[in-house]
Amino acid sequence: MSQPPARAPEATHHCEVLIVGGGPAGATLATLLARRGRDVAMLEREHHPRFHIGESLLPANGPLFDALGVRAQVEAIGMPKWGVEFVSPQHTHRSHLEFGDAMDKSMPYAWQVRRSEFDEILFRHAAASGARALEGHRVERVHFDTEGATAEVRLDDGARQVWRCRYLVDASGRDTLLASQFRTKTRHPKHASAAVFGHFRGARRLEGRQEGNITILWFQHGWFWFIPLADGVTSVGAVCWPYYLKTRQQRSLEQFFRDTIAMCPELADRLKNAELVDGQVHATGNYSYTANACTGERWALLGDAYAFIDPVFSSGVFLAMQSAFAAEPLVEATLDRPAEAAAARRAYERRVAFGPREFSWFIFRVTNPTLREFFMYPRNIFRVKEALLSMLAGDIYGRTPIWGPLRLLKGLYWMVSLGNLGRTWRAWRQRQLNIRDVEVGPT
């Protein structure tokens, strides 16, 4: 006989909207709702500033910062990022793409930021906007009913609280609180990757205005990021197939990372006089996942709490903040206009699924030799280069007419692939080996 569901404990704290997680998604939504007079509580398990990876932003983040009123603060801590450099072991040249060449010329640059500083800016701004922004509060379980939700919370000192709200938002990032509780989190069937990363001081960067550009360097087992930060430190990470992380065996994580860097001569040369900051190297296992649902009658998932695929195009923070802007009308409709709630849920689900889906087509193929050729030899036939740059800039929710040229780009991809059947077959077979089911947990 099945056990009856556990009864929710009595509430000790109350709010109208409870947001679990104080990262970019949660802080953005907290700001938006607090401005509308909502009683919002945002519970962050850690204390700002706290370490987080994902330091590269997109130009399309700029209008979101303007809407929140934090652009000047982001500018103050950020390294301007005007474009992307691609380095391929199969090519003797390097490819440089600039966001200013995209269809919309009004977003020519983005920023590289330390996430500890950036996330704290958004968190404190939410508090200044009227949200209750609480740190050291870990939400462990949530109970739902027809009137709202009850959350069990543990504080840093071990004390317990029970929060009652009319609407609950999961912005817990890769903790995926609700998707884990509901058992709706699944690995992405078409992608699998793991990352090893650290920060270096003294790395050789590009010169002049290009100094802050991100560099993507392909290598045998995946690709590297090279992200220059404003304080002289450079973030370097290897995103590789999970099977490769299993080859570490008895090596220390730092030695494994250095051995991996040695496989990419261009990167090794840029780091030959660099020092690993604090001797810290981090690793994360297979992080490509999605939840089967992103909304319920009294809840919604934001950003990484719903899905995360791959950081190659730096879309994570942008999609997280976009989901927060999309969630505001959903929460408002649910609380104030119940008759509109179902339609608002459908609209939110479409918008939240749209971004990851559009980026995914390119993410899944970024190591494919055909798409690699497109990045290394970009041509603007029928404006396909401009459209690709618009995609890389995050300009996918506006009115910029990128979709016709992108469809043409995809058609060209298939034509070139068919014209090189041997290479395409070998690449497909290799990908099947790369994404095979290999369990790799955090190291």
Protein backbone atom coordinates (compact mmCIF):
# COMPACT_ATOMS: atom_id res chain seq x y z
CA MET A 1 0.00 0.00 0.00
CA SER A 2 1.37 3.43 -0.92
CA GLN A 3 2.21 5.85 1.83
CA PRO A 4 0.03 8.97 2.14
CA PRO A 5 1.77 12.24 1.25
CA ALA A 6 3.55 13.91 4.14
CA ARG A 7 1.61 16.71 5.77
CA ALA A 8 3.08 20.18 5.49
CA PRO A 9 4.33 21.55 8.82
CA GLU A 10 2.85 24.69 10.34
CA ALA A 11 4.20 27.89 8.83
CA THR A 12 6.41 30.22 10.84
CA HIS A 13 6.96 32.80 8.06
CA HIS A 14 4.71 34.11 5.31
CA CYS A 15 5.08 35.89 1.99
CA GLU A 16 3.17 36.25 -1.24
CA VAL A 17 5.89 34.93 -3.58
CA LEU A 18 8.77 32.75 -2.40
CA ILE A 19 11.81 32.55 -4.67
CA VAL A 20 14.27 29.73 -4.01
CA GLY A 21 17.75 30.87 -5.04
CA GLY A 22 19.45 34.25 -5.21
CA GLY A 23 21.34 33.99 -8.49
CA PRO A 24 20.65 36.05 -11.64
CA ALA A 25 17.26 34.45 -12.34
CA GLY A 26 15.91 34.68 -8.81
CA ALA A 27 17.26 38.18 -8.16
CA THR A 28 15.88 39.50 -11.45
CA LEU A 29 12.38 38.21 -10.75
CA ALA A 30 12.53 39.40 -7.14
CA THR A 31 13.32 42.91 -8.37
CA LEU A 32 10.53 42.91 -10.96
CA LEU A 33 7.87 41.65 -8.55
CA ALA A 34 8.97 43.85 -5.64
CA ARG A 35 8.67 46.89 -7.89
CA ARG A 36 5.05 45.97 -8.45
CA GLY A 37 4.41 45.94 -4.73
CA ARG A 38 4.53 42.20 -4.23
CA ASP A 39 5.64 40.73 -0.91
CA VAL A 40 8.60 38.73 -2.20
CA ALA A 41 11.04 36.65 -0.17
CA MET A 42 14.18 35.35 -1.89
CA LEU A 43 16.04 32.60 -0.04
CA GLU A 44 19.67 31.98 -0.98
CA ARG A 45 21.43 28.99 0.59
CA GLU A 46 24.90 30.62 0.48
CA HIS A 47 26.23 34.08 1.32
CA HIS A 48 27.25 36.67 -1.26
CA PRO A 49 29.82 37.03 -2.61
CA ARG A 50 30.04 33.35 -3.48
CA PHE A 51 31.95 31.56 -6.22
CA HIS A 52 30.18 30.65 -9.43
CA ILE A 53 31.37 29.78 -12.91
CA GLY A 54 29.82 31.19 -16.08
CA GLU A 55 31.56 34.55 -16.36
CA SER A 56 30.80 35.49 -19.97
CA LEU A 57 27.69 37.52 -20.76
CA LEU A 58 25.92 38.30 -24.05
CA PRO A 59 25.19 41.67 -25.67
CA ALA A 60 21.47 40.95 -25.30
CA ASN A 61 21.96 41.09 -21.54
CA GLY A 62 22.41 44.86 -21.91
CA PRO A 63 18.72 45.76 -22.41
CA LEU A 64 17.84 43.56 -19.43
CA PHE A 65 20.36 45.43 -17.27
CA ASP A 66 18.82 48.70 -18.48
CA ALA A 67 15.34 47.49 -17.48
CA LEU A 68 16.61 46.57 -14.02
CA GLY A 69 18.72 49.72 -13.67
CA VAL A 70 22.06 47.97 -13.06
CA ARG A 71 23.99 48.59 -16.29
CA ALA A 72 26.37 51.10 -14.70
CA GLN A 73 27.23 48.67 -11.91
CA VAL A 74 27.90 45.86 -14.37
CA GLU A 75 30.01 48.17 -16.53
CA ALA A 76 32.08 49.05 -13.45
CA ILE A 77 33.12 45.45 -12.77
CA GLY A 78 33.11 44.05 -16.31
CA MET A 79 35.72 43.54 -19.00
CA PRO A 80 34.28 44.65 -22.38
CA LYS A 81 33.76 41.70 -24.71
CA TRP A 82 33.47 42.78 -28.33
CA GLY A 83 33.49 39.39 -29.94
CA VAL A 84 34.64 35.79 -30.13
CA GLU A 85 37.86 34.18 -31.30
CA PHE A 86 37.81 30.60 -32.60
CA VAL A 87 40.97 28.48 -32.67
CA SER A 88 40.93 25.10 -34.41
CA PRO A 89 43.72 22.50 -34.53
CA GLN A 90 42.66 21.75 -38.13
CA HIS A 91 43.33 25.32 -39.30
CA THR A 92 46.43 27.47 -39.42
CA HIS A 93 44.50 30.74 -38.95
CA ARG A 94 42.29 32.04 -36.16
CA SER A 95 38.77 33.34 -36.76
CA HIS A 96 37.55 36.57 -35.12
CA LEU A 97 33.86 37.47 -35.07
CA GLU A 98 32.53 40.75 -33.66
CA PHE A 99 29.03 41.40 -32.32
CA GLY A 100 29.06 44.80 -34.03
CA ASP A 101 28.70 42.94 -37.35
CA ALA A 102 25.39 41.37 -36.29
CA MET A 103 22.11 42.50 -37.84
CA ASP A 104 21.26 44.78 -34.92
CA LYS A 105 24.18 47.18 -34.54
CA SER A 106 22.90 48.61 -31.26
CA MET A 107 24.40 45.82 -29.12
CA PRO A 108 28.08 45.72 -30.16
CA TYR A 109 29.57 44.35 -26.96
CA ALA A 110 28.99 42.40 -23.77
CA TRP A 111 31.04 41.86 -20.61
CA GLN A 112 33.17 39.27 -18.86
CA VAL A 113 32.41 39.38 -15.13
CA ARG A 114 33.39 37.70 -11.92
CA ARG A 115 30.19 35.97 -11.00
CA SER A 116 30.77 36.54 -7.29
CA GLU A 117 30.59 40.31 -7.93
CA PHE A 118 27.91 40.19 -10.63
CA ASP A 119 25.52 37.96 -8.71
CA GLU A 120 25.88 40.09 -5.60
CA ILE A 121 25.01 43.22 -7.57
CA LEU A 122 21.72 41.66 -8.69
CA PHE A 123 20.99 40.22 -5.24
CA ARG A 124 21.55 43.52 -3.40
CA HIS A 125 19.60 45.37 -6.06
CA ALA A 126 16.61 43.10 -5.44
CA ALA A 127 16.82 43.93 -1.74
CA ALA A 128 17.04 47.66 -2.51
CA SER A 129 13.96 47.27 -4.70
CA GLY A 130 11.92 45.96 -1.79
CA ALA A 131 12.38 42.19 -1.82
CA ARG A 132 13.30 40.32 1.34
CA ALA A 133 16.68 38.94 0.31
CA LEU A 134 17.84 36.36 2.84
CA GLU A 135 21.12 34.44 2.80
CA GLY A 136 22.07 31.22 4.53
CA HIS A 137 18.57 29.81 3.97
CA ARG A 138 18.47 26.38 2.31
CA VAL A 139 15.06 25.19 1.09
CA GLU A 140 14.99 21.42 1.55
CA ARG A 141 11.47 20.42 0.60
CA VAL A 142 8.27 21.97 -0.71
CA HIS A 143 4.64 20.93 -0.16
CA PHE A 144 1.94 22.15 -2.54
CA ASP A 145 -1.82 22.52 -2.22
CA THR A 146 -4.53 24.40 -4.09
CA GLU A 147 -3.83 27.63 -2.23
CA GLY A 148 -0.05 27.78 -2.53
CA ALA A 149 3.07 26.14 -1.14
CA THR A 150 4.86 25.44 2.13
CA ALA A 151 8.65 25.27 2.15
CA GLU A 152 10.83 23.64 4.79
CA VAL A 153 13.99 25.71 5.31
CA ARG A 154 17.21 25.05 7.20
CA LEU A 155 19.42 27.95 8.28
CA ASP A 156 23.21 27.98 8.54
CA ASP A 157 23.07 27.48 12.30
CA GLY A 158 20.80 24.47 11.97
CA ALA A 159 17.63 26.33 12.94
CA ARG A 160 14.46 25.47 11.06
CA GLN A 161 11.84 27.68 9.45
CA VAL A 162 8.65 26.93 7.54
CA TRP A 163 7.61 29.42 4.89
CA ARG A 164 4.12 29.73 3.47
CA CYS A 165 3.48 31.45 0.14
CA ARG A 166 0.82 31.80 -2.52
CA TYR A 167 3.31 31.14 -5.33
CA LEU A 168 6.74 29.47 -5.35
CA VAL A 169 9.50 30.01 -7.89
CA ASP A 170 12.42 27.61 -8.19
CA ALA A 171 15.52 29.56 -9.20
CA SER A 172 17.89 27.15 -7.46
CA GLY A 173 20.09 26.66 -10.53
CA ARG A 174 21.80 23.32 -10.88
CA ASP A 175 20.44 22.27 -7.49
CA THR A 176 17.16 21.85 -9.41
CA LEU A 177 15.11 21.70 -6.20
CA LEU A 178 11.67 20.98 -7.64
CA ALA A 179 12.78 18.90 -10.63
CA SER A 180 14.74 16.70 -8.22
CA GLN A 181 11.86 16.51 -5.76
CA PHE A 182 9.35 15.71 -8.52
CA ARG A 183 11.86 13.35 -10.20
CA THR A 184 11.36 15.10 -13.53
CA LYS A 185 15.02 15.95 -14.19
CA THR A 186 16.52 13.97 -17.06
CA ARG A 187 19.85 13.97 -18.82
CA HIS A 188 19.74 15.55 -22.21
CA PRO A 189 19.61 12.70 -24.74
CA LYS A 190 21.66 14.49 -27.40
CA HIS A 191 24.40 16.00 -25.33
CA ALA A 192 26.79 15.11 -22.56
CA SER A 193 29.72 17.08 -21.25
CA ALA A 194 31.90 17.57 -18.21
CA ALA A 195 34.13 20.50 -17.26
CA VAL A 196 37.47 21.10 -15.53
CA PHE A 197 38.35 24.73 -14.89
CA GLY A 198 40.53 27.17 -12.99
CA HIS A 199 41.73 30.79 -12.96
CA PHE A 200 45.16 31.99 -14.07
CA ARG A 201 47.06 35.21 -13.52
CA GLY A 202 49.53 36.32 -16.19
CA ALA A 203 47.96 34.59 -19.20
CA ARG A 204 48.80 36.06 -22.59
CA ARG A 205 45.71 37.75 -23.96
CA LEU A 206 44.73 39.30 -27.25
CA GLU A 207 45.82 42.88 -27.74
CA GLY A 208 43.96 46.18 -27.84
CA ARG A 209 40.18 46.18 -27.94
CA GLN A 210 40.17 42.40 -28.41
CA GLU A 211 41.75 41.79 -25.00
CA GLY A 212 38.41 41.01 -23.39
CA ASN A 213 37.12 38.74 -26.15
CA ILE A 214 36.31 35.16 -25.29
CA THR A 215 38.35 32.51 -27.10
CA ILE A 216 36.97 29.07 -27.97
CA LEU A 217 39.70 26.52 -28.68
CA TRP A 218 38.80 23.07 -29.97
CA PHE A 219 40.90 20.05 -29.01
CA GLN A 220 40.68 16.29 -29.33
CA HIS A 221 38.27 15.70 -26.47
CA GLY A 222 36.09 18.82 -26.66
CA TRP A 223 36.82 22.52 -26.36
CA PHE A 224 38.33 25.13 -24.04
CA TRP A 225 37.09 28.52 -22.93
CA PHE A 226 39.49 31.41 -22.33
CA ILE A 227 37.73 34.31 -20.59
CA PRO A 228 39.72 37.43 -19.58
CA LEU A 229 38.44 39.21 -16.47
CA ALA A 230 38.91 42.86 -15.56
CA ASP A 231 41.27 42.24 -12.63
CA GLY A 232 43.91 40.54 -14.77
CA VAL A 233 42.78 37.00 -14.02
CA THR A 234 41.71 34.73 -16.87
CA SER A 235 39.16 31.96 -16.50
CA VAL A 236 40.15 28.81 -18.37
CA GLY A 237 38.07 25.66 -18.64
CA ALA A 238 37.97 22.43 -20.61
CA VAL A 239 34.52 21.19 -21.61
CA CYS A 240 35.03 17.58 -22.58
CA TRP A 241 33.14 14.38 -23.09
CA PRO A 242 32.48 12.47 -19.83
CA TYR A 243 34.53 9.46 -20.88
CA TYR A 244 37.62 11.66 -20.97
CA LEU A 245 37.16 12.81 -17.38
CA LYS A 246 37.17 9.13 -16.40
CA THR A 247 40.75 8.83 -17.70
CA ARG A 248 42.06 10.94 -14.82
CA GLN A 249 42.67 7.81 -12.69
CA GLN A 250 45.29 8.51 -9.98
CA ARG A 251 46.36 11.96 -11.16
CA SER A 252 45.52 14.98 -9.05
CA LEU A 253 42.85 17.21 -10.53
CA GLU A 254 45.41 19.97 -11.10
CA GLN A 255 47.78 17.63 -12.94
CA PHE A 256 44.92 16.26 -15.01
CA PHE A 257 43.92 19.82 -15.94
CA ARG A 258 47.47 20.76 -16.90
CA ASP A 259 47.83 17.57 -18.97
CA THR A 260 44.60 18.47 -20.74
CA ILE A 261 45.80 22.02 -21.46
CA ALA A 262 48.99 20.53 -22.96
CA MET A 263 46.80 18.89 -25.63
CA CYS A 264 45.99 22.35 -27.01
CA PRO A 265 49.30 23.99 -28.09
CA GLU A 266 47.83 27.47 -28.59
CA LEU A 267 46.32 27.52 -25.11
CA ALA A 268 49.44 26.02 -23.55
CA ASP A 269 51.48 28.82 -25.11
CA ARG A 270 49.15 31.49 -23.73
CA LEU A 271 49.47 30.00 -20.25
CA LYS A 272 53.20 29.18 -20.26
CA ASN A 273 54.02 32.13 -17.97
CA ALA A 274 50.74 32.11 -16.06
CA GLU A 275 50.15 31.11 -12.44
CA LEU A 276 47.15 29.11 -11.26
CA VAL A 277 45.33 31.29 -8.74
CA ASP A 278 45.34 29.74 -5.26
CA GLY A 279 46.10 26.36 -6.81
CA GLN A 280 42.36 25.85 -7.24
CA VAL A 281 41.02 23.56 -9.96
CA HIS A 282 37.34 22.61 -10.10
CA ALA A 283 35.46 19.87 -11.93
CA THR A 284 31.85 19.09 -12.59
CA GLY A 285 30.32 15.99 -14.09
CA ASN A 286 27.66 15.57 -16.76
CA TYR A 287 25.60 18.75 -16.52
CA SER A 288 23.36 18.54 -19.59
CA TYR A 289 19.79 18.14 -18.38
CA THR A 290 16.23 19.33 -18.68
CA ALA A 291 13.08 19.07 -16.57
CA ASN A 292 9.94 17.54 -18.03
CA ALA A 293 7.86 20.55 -16.96
CA CYS A 294 8.65 24.15 -16.09
CA THR A 295 5.35 25.22 -14.54
CA GLY A 296 2.54 24.00 -12.33
CA GLU A 297 -0.55 25.65 -10.88
CA ARG A 298 1.40 27.47 -8.17
CA TRP A 299 5.03 27.13 -9.24
CA ALA A 300 7.53 27.83 -11.99
CA LEU A 301 11.13 26.91 -12.77
CA LEU A 302 13.57 29.61 -13.88
CA GLY A 303 16.86 29.34 -15.77
CA ASP A 304 19.12 26.45 -14.84
CA ALA A 305 16.49 25.03 -12.48
CA TYR A 306 14.67 24.05 -15.67
CA ALA A 307 17.45 23.19 -18.14
CA PHE A 308 21.13 23.55 -18.90
CA ILE A 309 22.94 22.21 -21.93
CA ASP A 310 26.44 23.58 -22.57
CA PRO A 311 28.24 26.88 -21.89
CA VAL A 312 29.89 27.19 -25.31
CA PHE A 313 27.82 30.22 -26.38
CA SER A 314 27.64 31.82 -22.91
CA SER A 315 23.85 31.74 -22.95
CA GLY A 316 23.24 30.65 -19.34
CA VAL A 317 22.91 34.02 -17.56
CA PHE A 318 20.98 35.53 -20.47
CA LEU A 319 18.43 32.71 -20.61
CA ALA A 320 18.10 32.76 -16.81
CA MET A 321 17.32 36.46 -16.76
CA GLN A 322 15.00 36.15 -19.75
CA SER A 323 13.05 33.46 -17.93
CA ALA A 324 12.65 35.84 -14.99
CA PHE A 325 11.21 38.57 -17.21
CA ALA A 326 8.88 35.98 -18.75
CA ALA A 327 7.79 34.73 -15.32
CA GLU A 328 6.63 38.12 -14.06
CA PRO A 329 3.34 38.14 -16.05
CA LEU A 330 2.80 34.47 -15.17
CA VAL A 331 3.00 35.16 -11.44
CA GLU A 332 0.84 38.28 -11.77
CA ALA A 333 -1.85 36.44 -13.71
CA THR A 334 -1.90 33.49 -11.31
CA LEU A 335 -2.27 35.70 -8.24
CA ASP A 336 -4.59 38.40 -9.57
CA ARG A 337 -6.39 37.01 -12.64
CA PRO A 338 -6.87 33.26 -12.19
CA ALA A 339 -8.94 32.99 -15.37
CA GLU A 340 -5.83 33.99 -17.34
CA ALA A 341 -3.44 31.68 -15.51
CA ALA A 342 -3.65 28.73 -17.91
CA ALA A 343 -2.90 30.90 -20.93
CA ALA A 344 -0.07 32.60 -19.05
CA ARG A 345 1.43 29.22 -18.24
CA ARG A 346 1.35 28.16 -21.89
CA ALA A 347 2.99 31.42 -22.95
CA TYR A 348 5.70 31.02 -20.33
CA GLU A 349 6.38 27.42 -21.29
CA ARG A 350 6.77 28.36 -24.95
CA ARG A 351 9.15 31.21 -24.20
CA VAL A 352 11.30 29.30 -21.72
CA ALA A 353 11.67 26.31 -24.06
CA PHE A 354 12.39 28.53 -27.08
CA GLY A 355 15.83 29.82 -26.08
CA PRO A 356 17.49 26.51 -25.15
CA ARG A 357 16.00 24.89 -28.26
CA GLU A 358 17.38 27.52 -30.64
CA PHE A 359 20.83 27.55 -29.06
CA SER A 360 20.88 23.76 -28.90
CA TRP A 361 20.93 23.25 -32.66
CA PHE A 362 24.32 24.97 -32.79
CA ILE A 363 25.57 23.63 -29.46
CA PHE A 364 25.03 20.01 -30.50
CA ARG A 365 27.08 20.59 -33.65
CA VAL A 366 29.82 22.88 -32.41
CA THR A 367 32.42 20.11 -32.58
CA ASN A 368 31.17 18.91 -35.97
CA PRO A 369 33.69 19.62 -38.77
CA THR A 370 31.03 21.16 -41.04
CA LEU A 371 29.87 23.75 -38.52
CA ARG A 372 33.47 24.34 -37.50
CA GLU A 373 34.21 25.33 -41.10
CA PHE A 374 31.39 27.87 -40.93
CA PHE A 375 32.93 29.47 -37.83
CA MET A 376 36.45 29.43 -39.27
CA TYR A 377 35.43 30.74 -42.72
CA PRO A 378 32.36 32.91 -42.05
CA ARG A 379 30.68 34.27 -45.19
CA ASN A 380 27.78 36.68 -45.31
CA ILE A 381 25.87 35.14 -48.21
CA PHE A 382 22.24 36.28 -47.83
CA ARG A 383 23.23 37.75 -44.44
CA VAL A 384 23.86 34.36 -42.82
CA LYS A 385 26.95 35.65 -40.98
CA GLU A 386 25.00 38.57 -39.55
CA ALA A 387 22.23 36.23 -38.44
CA LEU A 388 24.71 33.84 -36.81
CA LEU A 389 26.29 36.74 -34.93
CA SER A 390 22.87 37.88 -33.82
CA MET A 391 22.25 34.40 -32.44
CA LEU A 392 25.61 34.44 -30.64
CA ALA A 393 24.71 37.88 -29.24
CA GLY A 394 21.47 36.48 -27.80
CA ASP A 395 19.24 38.52 -30.10
CA ILE A 396 16.57 35.84 -30.41
CA TYR A 397 13.56 37.35 -28.64
CA GLY A 398 13.25 40.63 -30.52
CA ARG A 399 12.19 41.61 -34.00
CA THR A 400 15.55 41.31 -35.73
CA PRO A 401 14.87 39.25 -38.90
CA ILE A 402 17.42 36.51 -38.25
CA TRP A 403 15.27 33.43 -38.82
CA GLY A 404 15.26 33.33 -42.62
CA PRO A 405 19.06 33.57 -42.88
CA LEU A 406 19.46 31.04 -40.05
CA ARG A 407 17.23 28.57 -41.88
CA LEU A 408 19.39 29.10 -44.93
CA LEU A 409 22.51 28.54 -42.82
CA LYS A 410 21.08 25.25 -41.57
CA GLY A 411 20.25 24.26 -45.14
CA LEU A 412 23.83 25.00 -46.18
CA TYR A 413 25.02 22.90 -43.26
CA TRP A 414 23.07 19.88 -44.48
CA MET A 415 24.17 20.40 -48.09
CA VAL A 416 27.85 20.56 -47.13
CA SER A 417 27.41 17.55 -44.85
CA LEU A 418 25.84 15.54 -47.67
CA GLY A 419 28.61 16.66 -50.00
CA ASN A 420 31.18 15.23 -47.58
CA LEU A 421 29.46 11.98 -46.62
CA GLY A 422 32.59 10.23 -45.46
CA ARG A 423 33.56 13.01 -43.09
CA THR A 424 29.94 13.38 -41.93
CA TRP A 425 29.65 9.66 -41.19
CA ARG A 426 32.88 9.60 -39.24
CA ALA A 427 31.81 12.68 -37.25
CA TRP A 428 28.41 11.11 -36.48
CA ARG A 429 29.99 7.85 -35.33
CA GLN A 430 32.46 9.71 -33.15
CA ARG A 431 29.66 11.73 -31.57
CA GLN A 432 27.78 8.56 -30.66
CA LEU A 433 30.90 7.38 -28.84
CA ASN A 434 31.36 10.76 -27.20
CA ILE A 435 27.85 10.97 -25.73
CA ARG A 436 27.64 7.35 -24.64
CA ASP A 437 26.32 6.82 -21.14
CA VAL A 438 29.23 7.34 -18.78
CA GLU A 439 28.39 8.38 -15.25
CA VAL A 440 30.73 11.12 -14.05
CA GLY A 441 29.97 12.90 -10.80
CA PRO A 442 31.54 16.05 -9.37
CA THR A 443 35.23 15.66 -8.54
